[in-house]
C-alpha cells in the first residue's frame, strides 16, 4: 500500500500531522506532496518550490494554483499511488477531473476551512465529496455550507486516533477509507 498526502502549503503549517502519525504507527508507506510557499527546507517531500505571499492578487494566486495542480498530477502519475489523502477545497476542485478518472473512491478528502472558490464551483465540490471514499470535516457548522452527503465524518484534528475508538478502518484492504467510523 502506497499513499500520497497532498498538501497545499508547507508541511509545518499543515493540520494533517495526525495522518502522518497514524500511518507511521501502522507502518504504511506514504509520501507528501506539498507546496513549499515559504521556501523552507522540505527535504524528504515532493515539493513545489514556488513562493506565494497571501497578499498577492487573485490572478497571480490562481496562476500559482494551476502550476501546483500540474506538479501534483506529475507526481501522482510518476508514483502510481494506491490511495490519496487530499487537503483543501481549492486544490481538490482543480484536481477533480484527474481524481475522477484515476482515483475515484480511492481518496480521503479533508476539509478544514471555507474557500471562496465554492461560490463558483459548488457542483464540483458535490462531485468531489460523492466520489471520495470519505470526507473529513472539523466542525458540524460546515454542514451549513457544504452539500448534503452521507460521507462526512466530523472530527477535530484527530480522525485517526484509532487506539481510543472501536473501528474497522483498514488501509490494507480494498475498502480503505470507506468505513463509516473513524
N, C-alpha and C. Protein backbone atom coordinates (compact mmCIF):
# COMPACT_ATOMS: atom_id res chain seq x y z
N UNK A 1 0.85 -1.17 0.00
CA UNK A 1 0.00 0.00 0.00
C UNK A 1 0.89 1.23 0.00
N UNK A 2 0.60 2.14 -0.90
CA UNK A 2 1.38 3.37 -1.03
C UNK A 2 0.39 4.54 -1.10
N UNK A 3 0.56 5.51 -0.23
CA UNK A 3 -0.37 6.62 -0.10
C UNK A 3 0.33 7.94 -0.37
N UNK A 4 -0.36 8.83 -1.06
CA UNK A 4 0.11 10.20 -1.25
C UNK A 4 -0.73 11.12 -0.38
N UNK A 5 -0.08 12.04 0.28
CA UNK A 5 -0.77 13.07 1.05
C UNK A 5 -0.50 14.40 0.35
N UNK A 6 -1.56 15.02 -0.17
CA UNK A 6 -1.44 16.25 -0.95
C UNK A 6 -1.80 17.43 -0.06
N UNK A 7 -0.83 18.33 0.12
CA UNK A 7 -0.99 19.50 0.99
C UNK A 7 -0.71 20.75 0.17
N UNK A 8 -1.56 21.74 0.28
CA UNK A 8 -1.38 22.99 -0.47
C UNK A 8 -0.64 24.05 0.31
N UNK A 9 0.30 23.61 1.15
CA UNK A 9 1.11 24.53 1.95
C UNK A 9 2.37 23.80 2.36
N UNK A 10 3.17 24.46 3.19
CA UNK A 10 4.32 23.80 3.79
C UNK A 10 3.83 22.80 4.83
N UNK A 11 4.61 21.75 5.05
CA UNK A 11 4.16 20.73 6.00
C UNK A 11 4.07 21.25 7.42
N UNK A 12 4.93 22.18 7.82
CA UNK A 12 4.86 22.69 9.19
C UNK A 12 3.55 23.43 9.44
N UNK A 13 2.95 23.95 8.38
CA UNK A 13 1.70 24.70 8.50
C UNK A 13 0.48 23.79 8.36
N UNK A 14 0.71 22.56 8.05
CA UNK A 14 -0.38 21.62 7.78
C UNK A 14 -1.04 21.13 9.07
N UNK A 15 -2.33 20.90 8.98
CA UNK A 15 -3.07 20.33 10.10
C UNK A 15 -3.13 18.81 10.01
N UNK A 16 -2.40 18.22 9.10
CA UNK A 16 -2.52 16.79 8.82
C UNK A 16 -1.52 15.91 9.57
N UNK A 17 -0.87 16.43 10.57
CA UNK A 17 0.15 15.63 11.27
C UNK A 17 -0.43 14.36 11.88
N UNK A 18 -1.71 14.34 12.21
CA UNK A 18 -2.29 13.13 12.78
C UNK A 18 -2.34 12.01 11.74
N UNK A 19 -2.45 12.34 10.47
CA UNK A 19 -2.36 11.30 9.44
C UNK A 19 -0.95 10.74 9.39
N UNK A 20 0.05 11.62 9.45
CA UNK A 20 1.44 11.16 9.42
C UNK A 20 1.68 10.21 10.59
N UNK A 21 1.22 10.61 11.78
CA UNK A 21 1.41 9.78 12.98
C UNK A 21 0.74 8.42 12.81
N UNK A 22 -0.50 8.42 12.36
CA UNK A 22 -1.23 7.16 12.19
C UNK A 22 -0.53 6.25 11.18
N UNK A 23 -0.16 6.80 10.04
CA UNK A 23 0.48 5.98 9.00
C UNK A 23 1.84 5.47 9.48
N UNK A 24 2.57 6.27 10.24
CA UNK A 24 3.84 5.81 10.81
C UNK A 24 3.61 4.64 11.77
N UNK A 25 2.63 4.77 12.65
CA UNK A 25 2.33 3.71 13.62
C UNK A 25 1.93 2.43 12.89
N UNK A 26 1.14 2.56 11.84
CA UNK A 26 0.67 1.40 11.08
C UNK A 26 1.73 0.87 10.11
N UNK A 27 2.85 1.57 10.02
CA UNK A 27 3.94 1.21 9.10
C UNK A 27 3.47 1.13 7.65
N UNK A 28 2.69 2.13 7.28
CA UNK A 28 2.16 2.24 5.91
C UNK A 28 2.99 3.29 5.18
N UNK A 29 3.45 2.93 4.00
CA UNK A 29 4.29 3.83 3.21
C UNK A 29 3.46 5.00 2.68
N UNK A 30 3.97 6.21 2.88
CA UNK A 30 3.31 7.40 2.34
C UNK A 30 4.36 8.41 1.91
N UNK A 31 3.94 9.25 1.01
CA UNK A 31 4.79 10.34 0.56
C UNK A 31 3.96 11.62 0.59
N UNK A 32 4.62 12.71 0.89
CA UNK A 32 3.96 14.00 1.00
C UNK A 32 4.27 14.83 -0.24
N UNK A 33 3.22 15.31 -0.87
CA UNK A 33 3.33 16.25 -1.98
C UNK A 33 2.88 17.59 -1.42
N UNK A 34 3.81 18.53 -1.30
CA UNK A 34 3.46 19.80 -0.67
C UNK A 34 3.85 20.99 -1.54
N UNK A 35 3.25 22.10 -1.21
CA UNK A 35 3.56 23.37 -1.88
C UNK A 35 4.45 24.16 -0.93
N UNK A 36 5.70 24.29 -1.29
CA UNK A 36 6.67 25.00 -0.46
C UNK A 36 6.55 26.50 -0.72
N UNK A 37 5.50 27.10 -0.19
CA UNK A 37 5.21 28.51 -0.41
C UNK A 37 6.20 29.42 0.30
N UNK A 38 6.75 28.96 1.40
CA UNK A 38 7.66 29.80 2.21
C UNK A 38 9.13 29.50 1.93
N UNK A 39 9.38 28.66 0.94
CA UNK A 39 10.74 28.34 0.51
C UNK A 39 11.60 27.89 1.68
N UNK A 40 11.06 26.94 2.44
CA UNK A 40 11.76 26.38 3.59
C UNK A 40 12.28 24.99 3.22
N UNK A 41 13.01 24.39 4.12
CA UNK A 41 13.52 23.05 3.88
C UNK A 41 12.37 22.04 3.96
N UNK A 42 12.05 21.45 2.85
CA UNK A 42 11.02 20.40 2.78
C UNK A 42 11.67 19.11 2.28
N UNK A 43 12.92 18.88 2.69
CA UNK A 43 13.61 17.68 2.24
C UNK A 43 12.84 16.44 2.68
N UNK A 44 12.83 15.45 1.83
CA UNK A 44 12.08 14.23 2.09
C UNK A 44 10.68 14.27 1.52
N UNK A 45 10.24 15.42 1.09
CA UNK A 45 8.91 15.58 0.49
C UNK A 45 9.06 15.95 -0.98
N UNK A 46 8.02 15.69 -1.75
CA UNK A 46 7.97 16.19 -3.12
C UNK A 46 7.41 17.60 -3.02
N UNK A 47 8.25 18.59 -3.28
CA UNK A 47 7.89 19.97 -3.02
C UNK A 47 7.80 20.79 -4.29
N UNK A 48 6.71 21.51 -4.39
CA UNK A 48 6.53 22.52 -5.44
C UNK A 48 7.10 23.80 -4.87
N UNK A 49 8.29 24.15 -5.29
CA UNK A 49 9.04 25.26 -4.69
C UNK A 49 8.74 26.57 -5.40
N UNK A 50 7.59 27.13 -5.10
CA UNK A 50 7.17 28.41 -5.66
C UNK A 50 6.61 29.23 -4.51
N UNK A 51 7.26 30.34 -4.20
CA UNK A 51 6.79 31.14 -3.07
C UNK A 51 5.49 31.84 -3.45
N UNK A 52 4.68 32.07 -2.45
CA UNK A 52 3.43 32.78 -2.68
C UNK A 52 3.01 33.46 -1.39
N UNK A 53 3.02 34.76 -1.41
CA UNK A 53 2.55 35.53 -0.27
C UNK A 53 1.03 35.63 -0.35
N UNK A 54 0.40 35.65 0.79
CA UNK A 54 -1.06 35.77 0.84
C UNK A 54 -1.53 37.10 0.26
N UNK A 55 -0.64 38.08 0.20
CA UNK A 55 -1.04 39.41 -0.28
C UNK A 55 -1.08 39.52 -1.81
N UNK A 56 -0.63 38.50 -2.51
CA UNK A 56 -0.65 38.55 -3.98
C UNK A 56 -2.09 38.59 -4.47
N UNK A 57 -2.31 39.18 -5.63
CA UNK A 57 -3.65 39.29 -6.20
C UNK A 57 -4.22 37.93 -6.59
N UNK A 58 -5.53 37.91 -6.80
CA UNK A 58 -6.23 36.66 -7.12
C UNK A 58 -5.71 36.02 -8.40
N UNK A 59 -5.42 36.80 -9.43
CA UNK A 59 -4.95 36.22 -10.69
C UNK A 59 -3.60 35.53 -10.49
N UNK A 60 -2.69 36.18 -9.79
CA UNK A 60 -1.38 35.60 -9.54
C UNK A 60 -1.51 34.34 -8.70
N UNK A 61 -2.37 34.37 -7.70
CA UNK A 61 -2.58 33.19 -6.86
C UNK A 61 -3.19 32.06 -7.65
N UNK A 62 -4.18 32.37 -8.51
CA UNK A 62 -4.80 31.33 -9.34
C UNK A 62 -3.78 30.70 -10.27
N UNK A 63 -2.95 31.51 -10.88
CA UNK A 63 -1.90 31.01 -11.78
C UNK A 63 -0.96 30.07 -11.02
N UNK A 64 -0.62 30.42 -9.78
CA UNK A 64 0.24 29.56 -8.96
C UNK A 64 -0.45 28.23 -8.67
N UNK A 65 -1.75 28.26 -8.41
CA UNK A 65 -2.50 27.02 -8.17
C UNK A 65 -2.49 26.12 -9.40
N UNK A 66 -2.56 26.69 -10.59
CA UNK A 66 -2.51 25.89 -11.81
C UNK A 66 -1.15 25.19 -11.91
N UNK A 67 -0.09 25.89 -11.57
CA UNK A 67 1.24 25.28 -11.56
C UNK A 67 1.33 24.15 -10.55
N UNK A 68 0.75 24.36 -9.36
CA UNK A 68 0.77 23.31 -8.33
C UNK A 68 -0.05 22.11 -8.78
N UNK A 69 -1.18 22.35 -9.40
CA UNK A 69 -2.01 21.25 -9.93
C UNK A 69 -1.19 20.39 -10.88
N UNK A 70 -0.49 21.01 -11.81
CA UNK A 70 0.33 20.26 -12.77
C UNK A 70 1.41 19.46 -12.05
N UNK A 71 2.05 20.07 -11.06
CA UNK A 71 3.08 19.40 -10.28
C UNK A 71 2.51 18.16 -9.58
N UNK A 72 1.34 18.31 -8.94
CA UNK A 72 0.72 17.19 -8.23
C UNK A 72 0.39 16.05 -9.20
N UNK A 73 -0.21 16.38 -10.33
CA UNK A 73 -0.56 15.34 -11.31
C UNK A 73 0.69 14.62 -11.80
N UNK A 74 1.77 15.37 -12.05
CA UNK A 74 3.03 14.74 -12.46
C UNK A 74 3.53 13.76 -11.39
N UNK A 75 3.46 14.16 -10.12
CA UNK A 75 3.89 13.29 -9.02
C UNK A 75 3.01 12.04 -8.93
N UNK A 76 1.70 12.23 -9.04
CA UNK A 76 0.78 11.10 -8.94
C UNK A 76 0.97 10.14 -10.10
N UNK A 77 1.14 10.66 -11.31
CA UNK A 77 1.37 9.81 -12.48
C UNK A 77 2.67 9.02 -12.36
N UNK A 78 3.69 9.68 -11.89
CA UNK A 78 5.01 9.05 -11.79
C UNK A 78 5.04 7.94 -10.74
N UNK A 79 4.34 8.13 -9.64
CA UNK A 79 4.47 7.21 -8.50
C UNK A 79 3.34 6.20 -8.33
N UNK A 80 2.26 6.36 -9.03
CA UNK A 80 1.15 5.37 -9.02
C UNK A 80 0.76 4.94 -7.60
N UNK A 81 0.12 5.83 -6.89
CA UNK A 81 -0.30 5.56 -5.52
C UNK A 81 -1.57 4.72 -5.49
N UNK A 82 -1.75 4.00 -4.39
CA UNK A 82 -2.97 3.22 -4.19
C UNK A 82 -4.10 4.08 -3.66
N UNK A 83 -3.76 5.04 -2.81
CA UNK A 83 -4.73 5.92 -2.18
C UNK A 83 -4.15 7.32 -2.05
N UNK A 84 -5.05 8.30 -1.88
CA UNK A 84 -4.63 9.68 -1.69
C UNK A 84 -5.40 10.28 -0.52
N UNK A 85 -4.72 11.09 0.25
CA UNK A 85 -5.35 11.95 1.24
C UNK A 85 -5.14 13.36 0.70
N UNK A 86 -6.22 14.08 0.47
CA UNK A 86 -6.11 15.42 -0.13
C UNK A 86 -6.73 16.46 0.80
N UNK A 87 -6.00 17.54 0.97
CA UNK A 87 -6.44 18.60 1.86
C UNK A 87 -6.69 19.88 1.06
N UNK A 88 -7.64 20.61 1.44
CA UNK A 88 -8.09 21.91 0.92
C UNK A 88 -9.00 21.78 -0.29
N UNK A 89 -10.00 22.62 -0.26
CA UNK A 89 -11.02 22.62 -1.30
C UNK A 89 -10.46 23.07 -2.64
N UNK A 90 -9.66 24.12 -2.66
CA UNK A 90 -9.20 24.68 -3.93
C UNK A 90 -8.43 23.67 -4.77
N UNK A 91 -7.46 22.98 -4.17
CA UNK A 91 -6.69 22.02 -4.98
C UNK A 91 -7.54 20.81 -5.35
N UNK A 92 -8.47 20.42 -4.49
CA UNK A 92 -9.37 19.30 -4.83
C UNK A 92 -10.23 19.66 -6.04
N UNK A 93 -10.74 20.88 -6.09
CA UNK A 93 -11.55 21.33 -7.22
C UNK A 93 -10.71 21.29 -8.51
N UNK A 94 -9.49 21.80 -8.44
CA UNK A 94 -8.64 21.80 -9.62
C UNK A 94 -8.25 20.39 -10.06
N UNK A 95 -8.09 19.49 -9.10
CA UNK A 95 -7.69 18.12 -9.41
C UNK A 95 -8.86 17.20 -9.75
N UNK A 96 -10.10 17.69 -9.58
CA UNK A 96 -11.24 16.78 -9.70
C UNK A 96 -11.28 15.95 -10.99
N UNK A 97 -11.07 16.51 -12.18
CA UNK A 97 -11.12 15.64 -13.36
C UNK A 97 -10.11 14.49 -13.28
N UNK A 98 -8.93 14.76 -12.77
CA UNK A 98 -7.91 13.74 -12.62
C UNK A 98 -8.32 12.72 -11.55
N UNK A 99 -8.78 13.22 -10.41
CA UNK A 99 -9.22 12.32 -9.33
C UNK A 99 -10.34 11.41 -9.80
N UNK A 100 -11.30 11.97 -10.52
CA UNK A 100 -12.44 11.19 -11.01
C UNK A 100 -11.98 10.08 -11.95
N UNK A 101 -11.02 10.38 -12.78
CA UNK A 101 -10.55 9.40 -13.76
C UNK A 101 -9.64 8.33 -13.15
N UNK A 102 -8.75 8.72 -12.22
CA UNK A 102 -7.73 7.80 -11.73
C UNK A 102 -7.90 7.32 -10.29
N UNK A 103 -8.62 8.07 -9.47
CA UNK A 103 -8.69 7.74 -8.04
C UNK A 103 -10.11 7.78 -7.49
N UNK A 104 -11.09 7.58 -8.30
CA UNK A 104 -12.47 7.59 -7.83
C UNK A 104 -12.65 6.56 -6.70
N UNK A 105 -13.20 7.02 -5.59
CA UNK A 105 -13.43 6.22 -4.39
C UNK A 105 -12.14 5.73 -3.73
N UNK A 106 -11.02 6.33 -4.11
CA UNK A 106 -9.73 5.94 -3.54
C UNK A 106 -9.04 7.12 -2.88
N UNK A 107 -9.80 8.16 -2.54
CA UNK A 107 -9.19 9.30 -1.85
C UNK A 107 -10.05 9.73 -0.68
N UNK A 108 -9.35 10.17 0.34
CA UNK A 108 -9.98 10.76 1.51
C UNK A 108 -9.83 12.26 1.36
N UNK A 109 -10.91 12.99 1.51
CA UNK A 109 -10.92 14.44 1.32
C UNK A 109 -11.06 15.08 2.70
N UNK A 110 -10.12 15.92 3.07
CA UNK A 110 -10.11 16.55 4.38
C UNK A 110 -10.35 18.04 4.21
N UNK A 111 -11.46 18.55 4.76
CA UNK A 111 -11.84 19.96 4.66
C UNK A 111 -11.70 20.60 6.04
N UNK A 112 -10.92 21.66 6.12
CA UNK A 112 -10.74 22.36 7.38
C UNK A 112 -11.20 23.81 7.34
N UNK A 113 -11.41 24.37 6.14
CA UNK A 113 -11.77 25.78 6.03
C UNK A 113 -12.71 26.00 4.85
N UNK A 114 -13.48 27.07 4.95
CA UNK A 114 -14.29 27.54 3.83
C UNK A 114 -13.36 28.11 2.76
N UNK A 115 -13.75 28.00 1.50
CA UNK A 115 -12.95 28.56 0.42
C UNK A 115 -13.84 29.39 -0.49
N UNK A 116 -13.34 30.53 -0.92
CA UNK A 116 -14.11 31.40 -1.83
C UNK A 116 -14.41 30.72 -3.16
N UNK A 117 -13.63 29.73 -3.52
CA UNK A 117 -13.85 29.03 -4.79
C UNK A 117 -15.23 28.35 -4.82
N UNK A 118 -15.80 28.12 -3.66
CA UNK A 118 -17.12 27.47 -3.58
C UNK A 118 -18.22 28.31 -4.24
N UNK A 119 -18.04 29.62 -4.27
CA UNK A 119 -19.04 30.47 -4.91
C UNK A 119 -19.16 30.18 -6.39
N UNK A 120 -18.07 29.68 -6.98
CA UNK A 120 -18.03 29.44 -8.42
C UNK A 120 -18.15 27.96 -8.79
N UNK A 121 -17.94 27.07 -7.83
CA UNK A 121 -17.88 25.64 -8.16
C UNK A 121 -18.63 24.73 -7.18
N UNK A 122 -19.82 25.11 -6.72
CA UNK A 122 -20.48 24.25 -5.73
C UNK A 122 -20.82 22.86 -6.28
N UNK A 123 -21.13 22.78 -7.57
CA UNK A 123 -21.46 21.49 -8.17
C UNK A 123 -20.24 20.57 -8.25
N UNK A 124 -19.06 21.14 -8.44
CA UNK A 124 -17.84 20.32 -8.48
C UNK A 124 -17.53 19.80 -7.08
N UNK A 125 -17.71 20.64 -6.06
CA UNK A 125 -17.46 20.19 -4.70
C UNK A 125 -18.36 19.00 -4.36
N UNK A 126 -19.61 19.07 -4.76
CA UNK A 126 -20.53 17.95 -4.50
C UNK A 126 -20.02 16.67 -5.15
N UNK A 127 -19.50 16.77 -6.38
CA UNK A 127 -18.95 15.59 -7.07
C UNK A 127 -17.70 15.07 -6.36
N UNK A 128 -16.86 15.98 -5.91
CA UNK A 128 -15.64 15.56 -5.20
C UNK A 128 -16.01 14.76 -3.96
N UNK A 129 -16.96 15.27 -3.21
CA UNK A 129 -17.39 14.59 -1.98
C UNK A 129 -18.04 13.25 -2.30
N UNK A 130 -18.91 13.23 -3.29
CA UNK A 130 -19.58 11.97 -3.65
C UNK A 130 -18.61 10.92 -4.17
N UNK A 131 -17.55 11.35 -4.85
CA UNK A 131 -16.58 10.41 -5.41
C UNK A 131 -15.45 10.06 -4.45
N UNK A 132 -15.43 10.71 -3.28
CA UNK A 132 -14.42 10.38 -2.28
C UNK A 132 -14.82 9.09 -1.58
N UNK A 133 -13.86 8.50 -0.89
CA UNK A 133 -14.19 7.37 -0.02
C UNK A 133 -14.82 7.88 1.26
N UNK A 134 -14.36 9.04 1.70
CA UNK A 134 -14.91 9.70 2.88
C UNK A 134 -14.43 11.14 2.85
N UNK A 135 -15.19 12.01 3.52
CA UNK A 135 -14.80 13.41 3.64
C UNK A 135 -14.78 13.77 5.12
N UNK A 136 -13.63 14.24 5.56
CA UNK A 136 -13.43 14.61 6.96
C UNK A 136 -13.66 16.12 7.09
N UNK A 137 -14.48 16.52 8.08
CA UNK A 137 -14.68 17.94 8.37
C UNK A 137 -14.42 18.15 9.87
N UNK A 138 -14.04 19.36 10.24
CA UNK A 138 -13.67 19.61 11.63
C UNK A 138 -14.80 20.17 12.48
N UNK A 139 -15.92 20.50 11.86
CA UNK A 139 -16.99 21.12 12.64
C UNK A 139 -18.35 20.82 12.01
N UNK A 140 -19.35 20.61 12.85
CA UNK A 140 -20.71 20.41 12.34
C UNK A 140 -21.22 21.68 11.67
N UNK A 141 -20.65 22.83 12.00
CA UNK A 141 -21.03 24.08 11.36
C UNK A 141 -20.78 24.08 9.86
N UNK A 142 -19.82 23.27 9.41
CA UNK A 142 -19.53 23.17 7.98
C UNK A 142 -20.73 22.64 7.20
N UNK A 143 -21.58 21.88 7.87
CA UNK A 143 -22.73 21.27 7.19
C UNK A 143 -23.71 22.32 6.67
N UNK A 144 -23.60 23.55 7.17
CA UNK A 144 -24.46 24.64 6.70
C UNK A 144 -24.09 25.12 5.30
N UNK A 145 -22.83 25.00 4.92
CA UNK A 145 -22.41 25.47 3.60
C UNK A 145 -21.92 24.37 2.67
N UNK A 146 -21.80 23.15 3.19
CA UNK A 146 -21.42 22.03 2.34
C UNK A 146 -22.66 21.35 1.75
N UNK A 147 -22.52 20.71 0.59
CA UNK A 147 -23.67 19.97 0.04
C UNK A 147 -24.02 18.78 0.94
N UNK A 148 -25.26 18.36 0.90
CA UNK A 148 -25.69 17.22 1.70
C UNK A 148 -24.97 15.96 1.22
N UNK A 149 -24.54 15.15 2.19
CA UNK A 149 -23.84 13.91 1.87
C UNK A 149 -23.81 13.02 3.10
N UNK A 150 -23.73 11.72 2.87
CA UNK A 150 -23.58 10.76 3.96
C UNK A 150 -22.12 10.39 4.16
N UNK A 151 -21.22 11.06 3.45
CA UNK A 151 -19.81 10.71 3.51
C UNK A 151 -19.01 11.57 4.48
N UNK A 152 -19.68 12.43 5.27
CA UNK A 152 -18.97 13.31 6.19
C UNK A 152 -18.68 12.60 7.51
N UNK A 153 -17.48 12.87 8.02
CA UNK A 153 -17.10 12.42 9.34
C UNK A 153 -16.57 13.65 10.06
N UNK A 154 -17.24 14.02 11.14
CA UNK A 154 -16.86 15.21 11.89
C UNK A 154 -15.82 14.82 12.92
N UNK A 155 -14.65 15.41 12.77
CA UNK A 155 -13.56 15.17 13.72
C UNK A 155 -12.82 16.48 13.89
N UNK A 156 -12.08 16.58 14.95
CA UNK A 156 -11.29 17.80 15.15
C UNK A 156 -9.84 17.42 15.40
N UNK A 157 -9.08 17.41 14.33
CA UNK A 157 -7.64 17.17 14.37
C UNK A 157 -7.22 15.83 14.98
N UNK A 158 -8.09 14.85 14.93
CA UNK A 158 -7.69 13.52 15.38
C UNK A 158 -8.57 12.42 14.80
N UNK A 159 -8.88 12.45 13.52
CA UNK A 159 -9.79 11.43 12.99
C UNK A 159 -9.20 10.04 13.00
N UNK A 160 -7.91 9.93 13.13
CA UNK A 160 -7.31 8.60 13.05
C UNK A 160 -6.76 8.13 14.38
N UNK A 161 -7.31 8.65 15.46
CA UNK A 161 -6.91 8.19 16.78
C UNK A 161 -7.62 6.87 17.06
N UNK A 162 -7.14 5.83 16.44
CA UNK A 162 -7.83 4.55 16.48
C UNK A 162 -7.62 3.80 17.77
N UNK A 163 -6.64 4.19 18.56
CA UNK A 163 -6.40 3.46 19.79
C UNK A 163 -7.54 3.67 20.78
N UNK A 164 -8.30 4.75 20.65
CA UNK A 164 -9.40 5.04 21.58
C UNK A 164 -10.77 4.82 20.98
N UNK A 165 -10.84 4.22 19.78
CA UNK A 165 -12.13 4.04 19.14
C UNK A 165 -12.28 2.62 18.61
N UNK A 166 -13.48 2.14 18.61
CA UNK A 166 -13.78 0.84 18.04
C UNK A 166 -14.05 1.04 16.55
N UNK A 167 -13.14 0.61 15.71
CA UNK A 167 -13.28 0.87 14.29
C UNK A 167 -12.68 -0.25 13.46
N UNK A 168 -13.11 -0.32 12.24
CA UNK A 168 -12.56 -1.29 11.29
C UNK A 168 -11.76 -0.60 10.21
N UNK A 169 -11.32 0.62 10.48
CA UNK A 169 -10.55 1.37 9.49
C UNK A 169 -9.30 0.57 9.15
N UNK A 170 -9.16 0.20 7.88
CA UNK A 170 -8.07 -0.67 7.47
C UNK A 170 -7.51 -0.19 6.15
N UNK A 171 -6.30 0.29 6.16
CA UNK A 171 -5.69 0.78 4.94
C UNK A 171 -5.13 -0.36 4.08
N UNK A 172 -5.12 -1.55 4.60
CA UNK A 172 -4.57 -2.66 3.82
C UNK A 172 -5.59 -3.25 2.87
N UNK A 173 -6.87 -3.13 3.19
CA UNK A 173 -7.90 -3.78 2.39
C UNK A 173 -8.45 -2.90 1.29
N UNK A 174 -9.23 -3.48 0.41
CA UNK A 174 -9.82 -2.78 -0.73
C UNK A 174 -10.81 -1.71 -0.26
N UNK A 175 -11.38 -1.88 0.91
CA UNK A 175 -12.39 -0.95 1.38
C UNK A 175 -11.81 0.20 2.21
N UNK A 176 -10.54 0.43 2.06
CA UNK A 176 -9.88 1.54 2.75
C UNK A 176 -10.66 2.82 2.59
N UNK A 177 -10.73 3.64 3.59
CA UNK A 177 -11.39 4.94 3.59
C UNK A 177 -12.92 4.84 3.45
N UNK A 178 -13.51 3.67 3.39
CA UNK A 178 -14.95 3.57 3.18
C UNK A 178 -15.68 3.16 4.45
N UNK A 179 -14.99 2.94 5.52
CA UNK A 179 -15.64 2.56 6.76
C UNK A 179 -16.44 3.74 7.30
N UNK A 180 -17.48 3.44 8.01
CA UNK A 180 -18.39 4.50 8.46
C UNK A 180 -18.00 5.11 9.80
N UNK A 181 -16.95 4.64 10.42
CA UNK A 181 -16.48 5.26 11.66
C UNK A 181 -14.99 5.43 11.60
N UNK A 182 -14.50 6.43 12.31
CA UNK A 182 -13.07 6.63 12.40
C UNK A 182 -12.66 6.48 13.82
